[in-house]
Amino acid sequence: MKIALGADHAGFADKDRIARALRADGHEILDYGTHDDTPVDYPQYGYAVGEAVASGQAERGIVVCGSSLGIAMAANKVPGVRCAPVAEPYSAELARRHNDANVLALSERLTGWEMVERLVRVFLETPFDGGRHAHRVEQLFEFGDAQRERTLRAIETKAVTGAQTPKELL
């Protein structure tokens, strides 16, 4: 599998370890940096990995920063990216199985190396279930003017309508 990696200064050490481990497993790695602890801005690394995945240059992406949160927010700005910050295996599995996450965000400061290895493995090995989940994943990219108007009406009326899963997908 071709995997894009990126990290800021607070996540580069785990990113480099992930790259070595994935290469040893036969994966092709696109490493967008950074490669040392010189302070850098995490959004640029999240964007780079997101664009590599969204454009099809990589099948999946992994981003690492101190908390996993900021770099995940950056990656999710790229249309077509579904980046999930996770800290335990069940969330990593559900991110793939139900949400078809294509980028994994990890925290170097909050997650031990053994857990990082496990999260990466679960993320790469878990398939997307499709079915009723595919319909929901498609909706993640529908937030344009029409969806915004519908959402604002829901806020005004204090009621969300039309959110039922079609019966044929249940």
N, C-alpha and C. Protein backbone atom coordinates (compact mmCIF):
# COMPACT_ATOMS: atom_id res chain seq x y z
N MET A 1 0.85 -1.17 0.00
CA MET A 1 0.00 0.00 0.00
C MET A 1 0.90 1.23 0.00
N LYS A 2 0.47 2.27 -0.71
CA LYS A 2 1.20 3.54 -0.70
C LYS A 2 0.59 4.43 0.38
N ILE A 3 1.42 4.87 1.33
CA ILE A 3 0.96 5.60 2.50
C ILE A 3 1.71 6.91 2.62
N ALA A 4 0.97 8.01 2.75
CA ALA A 4 1.56 9.34 2.95
C ALA A 4 1.69 9.59 4.44
N LEU A 5 2.84 10.12 4.85
CA LEU A 5 3.10 10.44 6.25
C LEU A 5 3.49 11.90 6.39
N GLY A 6 3.09 12.49 7.51
CA GLY A 6 3.49 13.85 7.81
C GLY A 6 3.38 14.10 9.30
N ALA A 7 4.23 14.99 9.80
CA ALA A 7 4.22 15.32 11.23
C ALA A 7 4.87 16.66 11.44
N ASP A 8 4.51 17.29 12.54
CA ASP A 8 5.21 18.49 12.95
C ASP A 8 6.35 18.10 13.89
N HIS A 9 6.97 19.09 14.51
CA HIS A 9 8.12 18.85 15.38
C HIS A 9 7.76 18.01 16.61
N ALA A 10 6.50 18.02 17.00
CA ALA A 10 6.08 17.25 18.18
C ALA A 10 5.70 15.82 17.83
N GLY A 11 5.75 15.47 16.54
CA GLY A 11 5.37 14.13 16.13
C GLY A 11 6.35 13.46 15.19
N PHE A 12 7.46 14.14 14.88
CA PHE A 12 8.36 13.59 13.86
C PHE A 12 9.02 12.28 14.27
N ALA A 13 9.32 12.10 15.55
CA ALA A 13 10.01 10.87 15.97
C ALA A 13 9.12 9.64 15.73
N ASP A 14 7.85 9.72 16.14
CA ASP A 14 6.93 8.61 15.88
C ASP A 14 6.70 8.45 14.39
N LYS A 15 6.59 9.54 13.66
CA LYS A 15 6.40 9.45 12.21
C LYS A 15 7.55 8.71 11.56
N ASP A 16 8.77 9.02 11.96
CA ASP A 16 9.93 8.33 11.41
C ASP A 16 9.93 6.84 11.77
N ARG A 17 9.53 6.51 13.00
CA ARG A 17 9.44 5.11 13.41
C ARG A 17 8.36 4.37 12.62
N ILE A 18 7.23 5.05 12.42
CA ILE A 18 6.14 4.47 11.63
C ILE A 18 6.63 4.20 10.21
N ALA A 19 7.35 5.17 9.63
CA ALA A 19 7.87 5.00 8.26
C ALA A 19 8.78 3.78 8.17
N ARG A 20 9.68 3.63 9.12
CA ARG A 20 10.59 2.48 9.11
C ARG A 20 9.81 1.16 9.21
N ALA A 21 8.86 1.12 10.12
CA ALA A 21 8.08 -0.10 10.33
C ALA A 21 7.25 -0.44 9.08
N LEU A 22 6.65 0.56 8.47
CA LEU A 22 5.82 0.30 7.29
C LEU A 22 6.67 -0.11 6.09
N ARG A 23 7.83 0.51 5.95
CA ARG A 23 8.73 0.09 4.86
C ARG A 23 9.16 -1.36 5.06
N ALA A 24 9.44 -1.73 6.31
CA ALA A 24 9.84 -3.11 6.61
C ALA A 24 8.73 -4.10 6.28
N ASP A 25 7.48 -3.63 6.34
CA ASP A 25 6.33 -4.48 5.99
C ASP A 25 6.03 -4.44 4.50
N GLY A 26 6.82 -3.71 3.73
CA GLY A 26 6.65 -3.69 2.28
C GLY A 26 5.80 -2.56 1.73
N HIS A 27 5.40 -1.63 2.57
CA HIS A 27 4.60 -0.49 2.09
C HIS A 27 5.50 0.56 1.46
N GLU A 28 4.94 1.29 0.50
CA GLU A 28 5.64 2.42 -0.10
C GLU A 28 5.24 3.67 0.69
N ILE A 29 6.23 4.45 1.07
CA ILE A 29 6.00 5.61 1.94
C ILE A 29 6.30 6.91 1.19
N LEU A 30 5.36 7.85 1.30
CA LEU A 30 5.57 9.22 0.86
C LEU A 30 5.72 10.04 2.14
N ASP A 31 6.92 10.47 2.45
CA ASP A 31 7.21 11.16 3.72
C ASP A 31 7.34 12.66 3.46
N TYR A 32 6.37 13.42 3.95
CA TYR A 32 6.34 14.87 3.74
C TYR A 32 7.01 15.65 4.87
N GLY A 33 7.65 14.94 5.80
CA GLY A 33 8.38 15.62 6.87
C GLY A 33 7.46 15.91 8.03
N THR A 34 7.95 16.61 8.96
CA THR A 34 9.25 17.18 9.19
C THR A 34 10.17 16.11 9.76
N HIS A 35 11.47 16.42 9.85
CA HIS A 35 12.44 15.39 10.23
C HIS A 35 13.27 15.74 11.45
N ASP A 36 12.91 16.80 12.16
CA ASP A 36 13.63 17.13 13.39
C ASP A 36 12.72 17.96 14.29
N ASP A 37 13.25 18.41 15.43
CA ASP A 37 12.41 19.10 16.40
C ASP A 37 12.41 20.63 16.25
N THR A 38 12.84 21.12 15.11
CA THR A 38 12.74 22.55 14.84
C THR A 38 11.26 22.90 14.74
N PRO A 39 10.77 23.87 15.52
CA PRO A 39 9.34 24.19 15.49
C PRO A 39 8.84 24.54 14.08
N VAL A 40 7.75 23.90 13.70
CA VAL A 40 7.09 24.13 12.41
C VAL A 40 5.59 24.20 12.65
N ASP A 41 4.87 24.66 11.65
CA ASP A 41 3.41 24.77 11.75
C ASP A 41 2.76 23.50 11.23
N TYR A 42 2.02 22.82 12.10
CA TYR A 42 1.40 21.53 11.75
C TYR A 42 0.42 21.58 10.59
N PRO A 43 -0.32 22.69 10.35
CA PRO A 43 -1.29 22.63 9.25
C PRO A 43 -0.69 22.24 7.91
N GLN A 44 0.51 22.71 7.61
CA GLN A 44 1.10 22.42 6.30
C GLN A 44 1.31 20.92 6.10
N TYR A 45 1.64 20.21 7.15
CA TYR A 45 1.86 18.76 7.06
C TYR A 45 0.54 18.01 6.93
N GLY A 46 -0.47 18.48 7.65
CA GLY A 46 -1.81 17.89 7.50
C GLY A 46 -2.35 18.10 6.10
N TYR A 47 -2.16 19.30 5.56
CA TYR A 47 -2.61 19.59 4.20
C TYR A 47 -1.90 18.70 3.19
N ALA A 48 -0.58 18.57 3.32
CA ALA A 48 0.20 17.79 2.35
C ALA A 48 -0.25 16.33 2.32
N VAL A 49 -0.41 15.73 3.48
CA VAL A 49 -0.86 14.33 3.53
C VAL A 49 -2.29 14.24 3.00
N GLY A 50 -3.14 15.17 3.40
CA GLY A 50 -4.52 15.17 2.91
C GLY A 50 -4.59 15.26 1.40
N GLU A 51 -3.82 16.14 0.81
CA GLU A 51 -3.82 16.30 -0.65
C GLU A 51 -3.29 15.04 -1.34
N ALA A 52 -2.26 14.43 -0.75
CA ALA A 52 -1.72 13.21 -1.36
C ALA A 52 -2.78 12.11 -1.39
N VAL A 53 -3.56 11.99 -0.32
CA VAL A 53 -4.61 10.97 -0.26
C VAL A 53 -5.78 11.35 -1.16
N ALA A 54 -6.24 12.59 -1.06
CA ALA A 54 -7.41 13.02 -1.85
C ALA A 54 -7.14 12.96 -3.35
N SER A 55 -5.91 13.20 -3.75
CA SER A 55 -5.57 13.19 -5.18
C SER A 55 -5.26 11.78 -5.70
N GLY A 56 -5.20 10.80 -4.81
CA GLY A 56 -4.92 9.44 -5.22
C GLY A 56 -3.45 9.09 -5.30
N GLN A 57 -2.58 10.01 -4.92
CA GLN A 57 -1.15 9.70 -4.92
C GLN A 57 -0.81 8.69 -3.83
N ALA A 58 -1.63 8.65 -2.78
CA ALA A 58 -1.48 7.67 -1.69
C ALA A 58 -2.85 7.08 -1.39
N GLU A 59 -2.85 5.81 -0.98
CA GLU A 59 -4.11 5.15 -0.63
C GLU A 59 -4.59 5.56 0.76
N ARG A 60 -3.66 5.77 1.67
CA ARG A 60 -3.98 6.19 3.03
C ARG A 60 -2.94 7.18 3.49
N GLY A 61 -3.25 7.84 4.61
CA GLY A 61 -2.30 8.78 5.19
C GLY A 61 -2.27 8.64 6.70
N ILE A 62 -1.13 9.01 7.27
CA ILE A 62 -0.97 9.03 8.72
C ILE A 62 -0.27 10.34 9.07
N VAL A 63 -0.86 11.07 10.01
CA VAL A 63 -0.29 12.33 10.47
C VAL A 63 -0.07 12.26 11.98
N VAL A 64 0.98 12.93 12.46
CA VAL A 64 1.31 12.88 13.88
C VAL A 64 1.67 14.29 14.34
N CYS A 65 1.10 14.69 15.46
CA CYS A 65 1.51 15.92 16.12
C CYS A 65 1.49 15.65 17.62
N GLY A 66 1.65 16.68 18.43
CA GLY A 66 1.68 16.47 19.87
C GLY A 66 0.41 15.85 20.42
N SER A 67 -0.75 16.35 19.97
CA SER A 67 -2.03 15.87 20.50
C SER A 67 -2.85 15.05 19.51
N SER A 68 -2.56 15.13 18.24
CA SER A 68 -3.30 14.55 17.12
C SER A 68 -4.44 15.44 16.65
N LEU A 69 -4.80 16.41 17.42
CA LEU A 69 -6.01 17.19 17.14
C LEU A 69 -5.81 18.25 16.06
N GLY A 70 -4.80 19.09 16.20
CA GLY A 70 -4.60 20.16 15.24
C GLY A 70 -4.30 19.64 13.85
N ILE A 71 -3.43 18.66 13.76
CA ILE A 71 -3.06 18.13 12.44
C ILE A 71 -4.24 17.39 11.80
N ALA A 72 -5.12 16.79 12.62
CA ALA A 72 -6.34 16.17 12.09
C ALA A 72 -7.27 17.23 11.53
N MET A 73 -7.42 18.33 12.25
CA MET A 73 -8.27 19.42 11.75
C MET A 73 -7.75 19.95 10.42
N ALA A 74 -6.44 20.08 10.31
CA ALA A 74 -5.86 20.55 9.05
C ALA A 74 -6.12 19.56 7.93
N ALA A 75 -5.86 18.28 8.16
CA ALA A 75 -6.08 17.28 7.12
C ALA A 75 -7.53 17.26 6.67
N ASN A 76 -8.45 17.42 7.61
CA ASN A 76 -9.88 17.38 7.28
C ASN A 76 -10.36 18.59 6.48
N LYS A 77 -9.55 19.60 6.35
CA LYS A 77 -9.90 20.74 5.49
C LYS A 77 -9.80 20.37 4.02
N VAL A 78 -9.07 19.32 3.69
CA VAL A 78 -8.87 18.91 2.30
C VAL A 78 -10.10 18.12 1.84
N PRO A 79 -10.78 18.58 0.80
CA PRO A 79 -11.95 17.84 0.32
C PRO A 79 -11.58 16.40 -0.05
N GLY A 80 -12.40 15.47 0.44
CA GLY A 80 -12.15 14.06 0.18
C GLY A 80 -11.43 13.34 1.30
N VAL A 81 -10.97 14.09 2.30
CA VAL A 81 -10.26 13.47 3.42
C VAL A 81 -11.22 13.22 4.57
N ARG A 82 -11.06 12.05 5.18
CA ARG A 82 -11.77 11.69 6.40
C ARG A 82 -10.71 11.27 7.40
N CYS A 83 -10.22 12.24 8.14
CA CYS A 83 -9.12 12.01 9.08
C CYS A 83 -9.68 11.81 10.48
N ALA A 84 -9.26 10.72 11.13
CA ALA A 84 -9.73 10.38 12.46
C ALA A 84 -8.58 10.42 13.46
N PRO A 85 -8.66 11.31 14.47
CA PRO A 85 -7.69 11.25 15.56
C PRO A 85 -8.12 10.16 16.54
N VAL A 86 -7.27 9.18 16.75
CA VAL A 86 -7.63 8.06 17.62
C VAL A 86 -6.52 7.78 18.63
N ALA A 87 -6.93 7.20 19.77
CA ALA A 87 -5.96 6.88 20.82
C ALA A 87 -6.10 5.46 21.32
N GLU A 88 -7.11 4.73 20.80
CA GLU A 88 -7.29 3.34 21.19
C GLU A 88 -7.83 2.55 20.00
N PRO A 89 -7.62 1.24 19.99
CA PRO A 89 -7.90 0.42 18.81
C PRO A 89 -9.35 0.38 18.34
N TYR A 90 -10.30 0.39 19.25
CA TYR A 90 -11.69 0.28 18.80
C TYR A 90 -12.10 1.49 17.97
N SER A 91 -11.66 2.68 18.36
CA SER A 91 -11.96 3.87 17.56
C SER A 91 -11.27 3.80 16.20
N ALA A 92 -10.06 3.28 16.16
CA ALA A 92 -9.36 3.12 14.88
C ALA A 92 -10.14 2.16 13.98
N GLU A 93 -10.63 1.07 14.56
CA GLU A 93 -11.41 0.11 13.78
C GLU A 93 -12.70 0.73 13.26
N LEU A 94 -13.44 1.41 14.13
CA LEU A 94 -14.70 2.02 13.70
C LEU A 94 -14.48 3.14 12.69
N ALA A 95 -13.39 3.88 12.84
CA ALA A 95 -13.08 4.93 11.88
C ALA A 95 -12.96 4.36 10.47
N ARG A 96 -12.38 3.18 10.36
CA ARG A 96 -12.27 2.52 9.06
C ARG A 96 -13.59 1.83 8.67
N ARG A 97 -14.10 1.00 9.57
CA ARG A 97 -15.24 0.14 9.26
C ARG A 97 -16.51 0.95 8.96
N HIS A 98 -16.78 2.00 9.73
CA HIS A 98 -18.02 2.76 9.59
C HIS A 98 -17.84 4.09 8.87
N ASN A 99 -16.66 4.71 8.97
CA ASN A 99 -16.47 6.05 8.42
C ASN A 99 -15.53 6.10 7.23
N ASP A 100 -14.95 4.97 6.86
CA ASP A 100 -14.02 4.89 5.74
C ASP A 100 -12.91 5.94 5.88
N ALA A 101 -12.41 6.10 7.10
CA ALA A 101 -11.32 7.06 7.33
C ALA A 101 -10.16 6.71 6.41
N ASN A 102 -9.61 7.73 5.77
CA ASN A 102 -8.48 7.50 4.89
C ASN A 102 -7.20 8.14 5.41
N VAL A 103 -7.30 8.87 6.51
CA VAL A 103 -6.13 9.42 7.19
C VAL A 103 -6.29 9.18 8.68
N LEU A 104 -5.22 8.73 9.31
CA LEU A 104 -5.18 8.47 10.74
C LEU A 104 -4.33 9.55 11.40
N ALA A 105 -4.83 10.16 12.47
CA ALA A 105 -4.07 11.16 13.22
C ALA A 105 -3.68 10.57 14.57
N LEU A 106 -2.39 10.70 14.91
CA LEU A 106 -1.86 10.15 16.14
C LEU A 106 -1.18 11.22 16.97
N SER A 107 -1.11 10.96 18.28
CA SER A 107 -0.47 11.86 19.24
C SER A 107 0.83 11.25 19.75
N GLU A 108 1.94 11.92 19.48
CA GLU A 108 3.20 11.42 20.01
C GLU A 108 3.32 11.67 21.52
N ARG A 109 2.76 12.76 21.99
CA ARG A 109 2.90 13.12 23.41
C ARG A 109 1.97 12.34 24.33
N LEU A 110 0.86 11.83 23.79
CA LEU A 110 -0.15 11.21 24.64
C LEU A 110 -0.31 9.70 24.43
N THR A 111 0.34 9.15 23.41
CA THR A 111 0.16 7.74 23.08
C THR A 111 1.50 7.03 23.04
N GLY A 112 1.64 5.96 23.80
CA GLY A 112 2.88 5.19 23.82
C GLY A 112 3.13 4.47 22.51
N TRP A 113 4.39 4.16 22.26
CA TRP A 113 4.78 3.57 20.99
C TRP A 113 4.08 2.26 20.69
N GLU A 114 3.93 1.38 21.68
CA GLU A 114 3.27 0.09 21.43
C GLU A 114 1.83 0.30 20.97
N MET A 115 1.16 1.29 21.55
CA MET A 115 -0.21 1.60 21.13
C MET A 115 -0.22 2.20 19.73
N VAL A 116 0.74 3.06 19.42
CA VAL A 116 0.84 3.63 18.08
C VAL A 116 0.96 2.51 17.05
N GLU A 117 1.83 1.55 17.31
CA GLU A 117 2.00 0.42 16.38
C GLU A 117 0.68 -0.32 16.17
N ARG A 118 -0.04 -0.55 17.25
CA ARG A 118 -1.31 -1.26 17.17
C ARG A 118 -2.35 -0.45 16.40
N LEU A 119 -2.41 0.86 16.64
CA LEU A 119 -3.37 1.72 15.95
C LEU A 119 -3.11 1.74 14.45
N VAL A 120 -1.85 1.83 14.07
CA VAL A 120 -1.49 1.82 12.66
C VAL A 120 -1.90 0.51 12.02
N ARG A 121 -1.63 -0.60 12.68
CA ARG A 121 -1.98 -1.91 12.15
C ARG A 121 -3.50 -2.03 11.96
N VAL A 122 -4.27 -1.64 12.97
CA VAL A 122 -5.73 -1.72 12.88
C VAL A 122 -6.23 -0.83 11.73
N PHE A 123 -5.70 0.38 11.64
CA PHE A 123 -6.10 1.32 10.60
C PHE A 123 -5.83 0.75 9.19
N LEU A 124 -4.70 0.13 9.02
CA LEU A 124 -4.34 -0.38 7.69
C LEU A 124 -5.02 -1.70 7.35
N GLU A 125 -5.37 -2.50 8.35
CA GLU A 125 -5.93 -3.83 8.09
C GLU A 125 -7.45 -3.87 8.08
N THR A 126 -8.11 -2.88 8.63
CA THR A 126 -9.57 -2.90 8.74
C THR A 126 -10.21 -2.40 7.46
N PRO A 127 -11.13 -3.17 6.89
CA PRO A 127 -11.83 -2.71 5.68
C PRO A 127 -13.01 -1.79 6.02
N PHE A 128 -13.49 -1.08 5.03
CA PHE A 128 -14.71 -0.29 5.15
C PHE A 128 -15.88 -1.22 4.91
N ASP A 129 -16.88 -1.21 5.79
CA ASP A 129 -18.02 -2.11 5.67
C ASP A 129 -18.97 -1.72 4.54
N GLY A 130 -19.01 -0.45 4.16
CA GLY A 130 -19.94 -0.01 3.11
C GLY A 130 -21.36 -0.10 3.61
N GLY A 131 -22.29 -0.57 2.77
CA GLY A 131 -23.69 -0.71 3.16
C GLY A 131 -24.28 0.59 3.64
N ARG A 132 -24.96 0.54 4.78
CA ARG A 132 -25.61 1.74 5.31
C ARG A 132 -24.61 2.82 5.67
N HIS A 133 -23.37 2.43 5.88
CA HIS A 133 -22.34 3.40 6.24
C HIS A 133 -21.91 4.23 5.03
N ALA A 134 -21.95 3.66 3.84
CA ALA A 134 -21.56 4.39 2.63
C ALA A 134 -22.45 5.61 2.43
N HIS A 135 -23.73 5.45 2.64
CA HIS A 135 -24.70 6.55 2.51
C HIS A 135 -24.33 7.69 3.47
N ARG A 136 -23.92 7.34 4.66
CA ARG A 136 -23.57 8.35 5.66
C ARG A 136 -22.24 9.02 5.33
N VAL A 137 -21.28 8.24 4.88
CA VAL A 137 -19.99 8.81 4.52
C VAL A 137 -20.14 9.81 3.38
N GLU A 138 -20.99 9.50 2.40
CA GLU A 138 -21.24 10.43 1.30
C GLU A 138 -21.73 11.78 1.82
N GLN A 139 -22.54 11.76 2.88
CA GLN A 139 -23.09 12.99 3.42
C GLN A 139 -22.03 13.88 4.05
N LEU A 140 -20.89 13.32 4.40
CA LEU A 140 -19.85 14.14 5.02
C LEU A 140 -19.35 15.24 4.10
N PHE A 141 -19.57 15.08 2.79
CA PHE A 141 -19.08 16.06 1.84
C PHE A 141 -20.20 16.87 1.19
N GLU A 142 -21.39 16.82 1.79
CA GLU A 142 -22.54 17.53 1.23
C GLU A 142 -22.76 18.90 1.86
N PHE A 143 -21.85 19.36 2.68
CA PHE A 143 -22.11 20.61 3.39
C PHE A 143 -21.80 21.80 2.50
N GLY A 144 -22.74 22.07 1.60
CA GLY A 144 -22.69 23.26 0.77
C GLY A 144 -23.80 24.20 1.21
N ASP A 145 -24.20 25.10 0.32
CA ASP A 145 -25.22 26.09 0.66
C ASP A 145 -26.56 25.46 1.03
N ALA A 146 -27.00 24.45 0.27
CA ALA A 146 -28.29 23.83 0.56
C ALA A 146 -28.28 23.15 1.93
N GLN A 147 -27.21 22.42 2.23
CA GLN A 147 -27.13 21.75 3.54
C GLN A 147 -27.03 22.77 4.65
N ARG A 148 -26.32 23.86 4.41
CA ARG A 148 -26.20 24.89 5.45
C ARG A 148 -27.56 25.50 5.75
N GLU A 149 -28.35 25.80 4.71
CA GLU A 149 -29.69 26.35 4.93
C GLU A 149 -30.55 25.37 5.72
N ARG A 150 -30.48 24.08 5.37
CA ARG A 150 -31.24 23.06 6.08
C ARG A 150 -30.81 23.00 7.55
N THR A 151 -29.52 23.09 7.80
CA THR A 151 -29.00 23.05 9.17
C THR A 151 -29.42 24.29 9.96
N LEU A 152 -29.37 25.45 9.33
CA LEU A 152 -29.80 26.68 10.01
C LEU A 152 -31.28 26.63 10.35
N ARG A 153 -32.10 26.05 9.45
CA ARG A 153 -33.53 25.87 9.76
C ARG A 153 -33.70 24.95 10.97
N ALA A 154 -32.90 23.90 11.02
CA ALA A 154 -32.98 22.98 12.16
C ALA A 154 -32.63 23.69 13.46
N ILE A 155 -31.66 24.58 13.41
CA ILE A 155 -31.29 25.33 14.61
C ILE A 155 -32.43 26.26 15.02
N GLU A 156 -33.02 26.93 14.04
CA GLU A 156 -34.14 27.84 14.34
C GLU A 156 -35.33 27.10 14.92
N THR A 157 -35.66 25.93 14.37
CA THR A 157 -36.84 25.19 14.82
C THR A 157 -36.53 24.22 15.95
N LYS A 158 -35.25 24.12 16.28
CA LYS A 158 -34.78 23.20 17.33
C LYS A 158 -35.14 21.75 17.03
N ALA A 159 -35.14 21.41 15.72
CA ALA A 159 -35.47 20.05 15.32
C ALA A 159 -34.74 19.69 14.02
N VAL A 160 -34.08 18.55 14.03
CA VAL A 160 -33.46 18.03 12.82
C VAL A 160 -34.47 17.08 12.18
N THR A 161 -34.73 17.28 10.89
CA THR A 161 -35.65 16.40 10.17
C THR A 161 -34.93 15.82 8.96
N GLY A 162 -35.47 14.74 8.45
CA GLY A 162 -34.92 14.14 7.24
C GLY A 162 -33.58 13.45 7.44
N ALA A 163 -33.29 12.99 8.64
CA ALA A 163 -32.01 12.35 8.91
C ALA A 163 -32.12 10.83 9.02
N GLN A 164 -33.25 10.28 8.57
CA GLN A 164 -33.44 8.85 8.67
C GLN A 164 -32.67 8.12 7.57
N THR A 165 -32.12 6.98 7.93
CA THR A 165 -31.46 6.13 6.95
C THR A 165 -32.53 5.49 6.06
N PRO A 166 -32.36 5.53 4.74
CA PRO A 166 -33.33 4.87 3.86
C PRO A 166 -33.51 3.39 4.26
N LYS A 167 -34.76 2.92 4.25
CA LYS A 167 -35.07 1.57 4.71
C LYS A 167 -34.27 0.49 3.98
N GLU A 168 -33.99 0.71 2.69
CA GLU A 168 -33.27 -0.30 1.94
C GLU A 168 -31.81 -0.42 2.39
N LEU A 169 -31.33 0.53 3.17
CA LEU A 169 -29.95 0.47 3.67
C LEU A 169 -29.84 -0.08 5.08
N LEU A 170 -30.97 -0.30 5.72
CA LEU A 170 -30.94 -0.82 7.09
C LEU A 170 -30.64 -2.30 7.13
